[in-house]
C-alpha atoms as a PDB file:
ATOM      1  CA  MET A   1      -3.773   1.079 -16.412  1.00  0.00           C
ATOM      2  CA  VAL A   2      -7.429   0.387 -15.649  1.00  0.00           C
ATOM      3  CA  ASP A   3      -8.334   2.345 -19.035  1.00  0.00           C
ATOM      4  CA  CYS A   4      -5.249   0.983 -20.807  1.00  0.00           C
ATOM      5  CA  SER A   5      -6.268  -2.500 -20.169  1.00  0.00           C
ATOM      6  CA  MET A   6     -10.159  -1.720 -21.334  1.00  0.00           C
ATOM      7  CA  ALA A   7      -8.478  -0.372 -24.508  1.00  0.00           C
ATOM      8  CA  LEU A   8      -6.105  -3.534 -24.759  1.00  0.00           C
ATOM      9  CA  ILE A   9      -9.225  -6.109 -23.998  1.00  0.00           C
ATOM     10  CA  LEU A  10     -10.948  -3.803 -27.019  1.00  0.00           C
ATOM     11  CA  TRP A  11      -8.403  -4.078 -29.489  1.00  0.00           C
ATOM     12  CA  CYS A  12      -7.499  -7.724 -29.209  1.00  0.00           C
ATOM     13  CA  SER A  13     -11.324  -8.227 -29.283  1.00  0.00           C
ATOM     14  CA  VAL A  14     -11.307  -6.495 -32.601  1.00  0.00           C
ATOM     15  CA  VAL A  15      -8.134  -7.681 -34.024  1.00  0.00           C
ATOM     16  CA  CYS A  16      -9.789 -11.748 -33.004  1.00  0.00           C
ATOM     17  CA  LEU A  17     -13.279 -10.821 -34.544  1.00  0.00           C
ATOM     18  CA  LEU A  18     -11.548  -9.516 -37.939  1.00  0.00           C
ATOM     19  CA  THR A  19      -8.955 -12.049 -38.258  1.00  0.00           C
ATOM     20  CA  SER A  20      -9.689 -14.927 -35.943  1.00  0.00           C
ATOM     21  CA  ASP A  21      -5.681 -15.757 -35.745  1.00  0.00           C
ATOM     22  CA  THR A  22      -4.754 -14.865 -32.039  1.00  0.00           C
ATOM     23  CA  VAL A  23      -2.448 -17.770 -31.564  1.00  0.00           C
ATOM     24  CA  ASN A  24       0.548 -17.047 -34.135  1.00  0.00           C
ATOM     25  CA  LYS A  25       1.647 -13.331 -32.769  1.00  0.00           C
ATOM     26  CA  ASN A  26       5.363 -12.590 -32.942  1.00  0.00           C
ATOM     27  CA  LEU A  27       6.652 -10.101 -30.064  1.00  0.00           C
ATOM     28  CA  GLY A  28       6.564  -7.531 -32.861  1.00  0.00           C
ATOM     29  CA  MET A  29       2.700  -8.045 -33.265  1.00  0.00           C
ATOM     30  CA  VAL A  30       2.178  -8.194 -29.519  1.00  0.00           C
ATOM     31  CA  LEU A  31       4.047  -4.750 -29.049  1.00  0.00           C
ATOM     32  CA  CYS A  32       2.453  -3.480 -31.955  1.00  0.00           C
ATOM     33  CA  ASP A  33      -1.054  -4.583 -30.337  1.00  0.00           C
ATOM     34  CA  LEU A  34       0.436  -2.601 -27.058  1.00  0.00           C
ATOM     35  CA  THR A  35       0.975   0.554 -28.601  1.00  0.00           C
ATOM     36  CA  ILE A  36      -2.195   0.604 -30.540  1.00  0.00           C
ATOM     37  CA  ALA A  37      -4.105  -0.345 -26.899  1.00  0.00           C
ATOM     38  CA  VAL A  38      -2.132   2.804 -25.203  1.00  0.00           C
ATOM     39  CA  PHE A  39      -2.973   5.272 -28.346  1.00  0.00           C
ATOM     40  CA  ILE A  40      -6.674   4.371 -28.178  1.00  0.00           C
ATOM     41  CA  ALA A  41      -6.499   4.803 -24.234  1.00  0.00           C
ATOM     42  CA  CYS A  42      -4.814   8.183 -24.637  1.00  0.00           C
ATOM     43  CA  LEU A  43      -7.444   9.284 -27.066  1.00  0.00           C
ATOM     44  CA  TYR A  44     -10.233   7.905 -25.054  1.00  0.00           C
ATOM     45  CA  GLU A  45      -8.798   9.974 -22.022  1.00  0.00           C
ATOM     46  CA  VAL A  46      -8.807  13.117 -23.695  1.00  0.00           C
ATOM     47  CA  PHE A  47     -12.012  13.177 -24.507  1.00  0.00           C
ATOM     48  CA  SER A  48     -13.513  11.787 -21.226  1.00  0.00           C
ATOM     49  CA  ILE A  49     -11.745  14.165 -18.817  1.00  0.00           C
ATOM     50  CA  ALA A  50     -12.535  17.033 -20.838  1.00  0.00           C
ATOM     51  CA  TRP A  51     -16.428  15.851 -20.997  1.00  0.00           C
ATOM     52  CA  THR A  52     -16.662  14.509 -17.757  1.00  0.00           C
ATOM     53  CA  GLY A  53     -13.845  14.983 -15.636  1.00  0.00           C
ATOM     54  CA  THR A  54     -12.984  11.363 -15.382  1.00  0.00           C
ATOM     55  CA  THR A  55     -12.193   8.025 -16.869  1.00  0.00           C
ATOM     56  CA  LEU A  56     -13.916   4.631 -16.231  1.00  0.00           C
ATOM     57  CA  GLY A  57     -10.635   3.735 -14.325  1.00  0.00           C
ATOM     58  CA  LYS A  58     -10.467   6.782 -12.574  1.00  0.00           C
ATOM     59  CA  ARG A  59     -14.091   6.878 -11.297  1.00  0.00           C
ATOM     60  CA  LEU A  60     -13.700   3.344 -10.299  1.00  0.00           C
ATOM     61  CA  PHE A  61     -11.111   4.688  -7.967  1.00  0.00           C
ATOM     62  CA  GLY A  62     -12.974   8.042  -7.152  1.00  0.00           C
ATOM     63  CA  ILE A  63     -10.531  10.605  -9.046  1.00  0.00           C
ATOM     64  CA  TYR A  64     -11.564  13.517 -10.617  1.00  0.00           C
ATOM     65  CA  VAL A  65      -9.251  15.703 -12.874  1.00  0.00           C
ATOM     66  CA  LEU A  66     -10.575  19.130 -12.619  1.00  0.00           C
ATOM     67  CA  HIS A  67      -9.977  22.593 -13.632  1.00  0.00           C
ATOM     68  CA  HIS A  68      -8.837  24.922 -10.550  1.00  0.00           C
ATOM     69  CA  ASP A  69     -12.245  26.557 -10.390  1.00  0.00           C
ATOM     70  CA  ARG A  70     -13.651  22.472  -9.700  1.00  0.00           C
ATOM     71  CA  GLY A  71     -15.256  22.995 -13.531  1.00  0.00           C
ATOM     72  CA  ARG A  72     -14.295  20.806 -16.531  1.00  0.00           C
ATOM     73  CA  LEU A  73     -10.940  20.694 -18.385  1.00  0.00           C
ATOM     74  CA  SER A  74     -10.858  22.169 -21.894  1.00  0.00           C
ATOM     75  CA  ILE A  75      -9.942  19.591 -25.028  1.00  0.00           C
ATOM     76  CA  SER A  76      -6.593  21.036 -25.076  1.00  0.00           C
ATOM     77  CA  ALA A  77      -6.044  21.091 -21.011  1.00  0.00           C
ATOM     78  CA  SER A  78      -6.920  17.481 -21.201  1.00  0.00           C
ATOM     79  CA  PHE A  79      -4.189  16.743 -24.361  1.00  0.00           C
ATOM     80  CA  ALA A  80      -1.723  18.467 -22.654  1.00  0.00           C
ATOM     81  CA  ARG A  81      -2.168  16.479 -19.423  1.00  0.00           C
ATOM     82  CA  THR A  82      -2.476  12.992 -21.445  1.00  0.00           C
ATOM     83  CA  TYR A  83       0.630  14.032 -23.387  1.00  0.00           C
ATOM     84  CA  ALA A  84       2.873  14.896 -20.380  1.00  0.00           C
ATOM     85  CA  ILE A  85       1.364  10.981 -19.137  1.00  0.00           C
ATOM     86  CA  TRP A  86       2.359   9.640 -22.521  1.00  0.00           C
ATOM     87  CA  ARG A  87       5.583  11.347 -22.548  1.00  0.00           C
ATOM     88  CA  MET A  88       6.802  11.097 -18.946  1.00  0.00           C
ATOM     89  CA  ALA A  89       5.090   7.660 -17.722  1.00  0.00           C
ATOM     90  CA  LEU A  90       4.926   5.449 -20.988  1.00  0.00           C
ATOM     91  CA  GLY A  91       8.014   7.102 -22.549  1.00  0.00           C
ATOM     92  CA  TYR A  92       6.256   7.394 -25.974  1.00  0.00           C
ATOM     93  CA  GLY A  93       5.359   4.262 -25.989  1.00  0.00           C
ATOM     94  CA  ILE A  94       8.988   2.482 -26.487  1.00  0.00           C
ATOM     95  CA  PRO A  95       8.766  -0.624 -24.194  1.00  0.00           C
ATOM     96  CA  PHE A  96      11.799  -0.631 -22.293  1.00  0.00           C
ATOM     97  CA  LEU A  97      11.894   2.987 -22.040  1.00  0.00           C
ATOM     98  CA  ARG A  98       8.507   2.686 -20.672  1.00  0.00           C
ATOM     99  CA  PHE A  99       9.336   0.402 -17.918  1.00  0.00           C
ATOM    100  CA  VAL A 100      12.218   2.238 -16.495  1.00  0.00           C
ATOM    101  CA  ARG A 101       9.888   5.416 -16.369  1.00  0.00           C
ATOM    102  CA  LEU A 102       7.242   3.728 -14.442  1.00  0.00           C
ATOM    103  CA  ASP A 103       9.458   1.851 -12.353  1.00  0.00           C
ATOM    104  CA  ARG A 104      11.144   5.572 -11.674  1.00  0.00           C
ATOM    105  CA  LEU A 105       7.551   6.722 -11.161  1.00  0.00           C
ATOM    106  CA  ARG A 106       6.788   4.498  -8.592  1.00  0.00           C
ATOM    107  CA  HIS A 107       9.980   5.485  -6.718  1.00  0.00           C
ATOM    108  CA  GLU A 108       9.199   8.665  -6.604  1.00  0.00           C
ATOM    109  CA  VAL A 109       5.728   8.419  -5.275  1.00  0.00           C
ATOM    110  CA  ALA A 110       6.870   6.056  -2.703  1.00  0.00           C
ATOM    111  CA  ARG A 111       8.689   8.906  -1.305  1.00  0.00           C
ATOM    112  CA  GLY A 112       5.979  11.021  -1.313  1.00  0.00           C
ATOM    113  CA  VAL A 113       6.710  13.079  -4.645  1.00  0.00           C
ATOM    114  CA  ALA A 114       4.081  14.285  -6.681  1.00  0.00           C
ATOM    115  CA  LEU A 115       3.601  12.920 -10.137  1.00  0.00           C
ATOM    116  CA  PRO A 116       5.374  15.742 -12.725  1.00  0.00           C
ATOM    117  CA  TRP A 117       2.266  16.117 -14.686  1.00  0.00           C
ATOM    118  CA  ASP A 118       0.128  16.511 -11.650  1.00  0.00           C
ATOM    119  CA  GLY A 119       2.433  19.474 -10.221  1.00  0.00           C
ATOM    120  CA  GLU A 120       1.038  22.830  -8.686  1.00  0.00           C
ATOM    121  CA  GLU A 121       1.972  24.725 -12.043  1.00  0.00           C
ATOM    122  CA  THR A 122      -0.591  23.091 -14.052  1.00  0.00           C
ATOM    123  CA  ASP A 123      -4.269  24.530 -14.621  1.00  0.00           C
ATOM    124  CA  TRP A 124      -5.986  21.337 -12.897  1.00  0.00           C
ATOM    125  CA  VAL A 125      -6.429  19.664  -9.944  1.00  0.00           C
ATOM    126  CA  ILE A 126      -6.657  16.100  -8.965  1.00  0.00           C
ATOM    127  CA  GLU A 127      -9.822  15.599  -6.391  1.00  0.00           C
ATOM    128  CA  TRP A 128     -10.316  12.216  -5.056  1.00  0.00           C
ATOM    129  CA  ARG A 129     -14.043  11.578  -3.853  1.00  0.00           C
ATOM    130  CA  ARG A 130     -15.326   8.714  -1.655  1.00  0.00           C
ATOM    131  CA  SER A 131     -17.651   6.309  -3.556  1.00  0.00           C
ATOM    132  CA  ARG A 132     -20.870   6.145  -1.414  1.00  0.00           C
END
């Protein structure tokens, strides 16, 4: 969510610089902005995880996404993981479906169930490193 928030701030800043009209937005325009920001965040996540194993938001919390041999993920594996998140957690960006899916995931995590895109049958592992 940190990465999505950063992408939203970036997108809204670009729109503000280009149009200088941020006051007169209807609900459709706001939802469009949110969808574009999530798309930007997903693209950023694919390449950032493939190149560095983490994103700025994940690095803030010490989270790394690595291959089973502790190497970096390929672009295709990183895309597969990000697509699974887009599909299972964000509900393809559909607003109501996104809230329902995120709420279900919150309940599953509270029960101790692993997130569906980071299960045991995947090619990657999630590593948590303490910040020093």
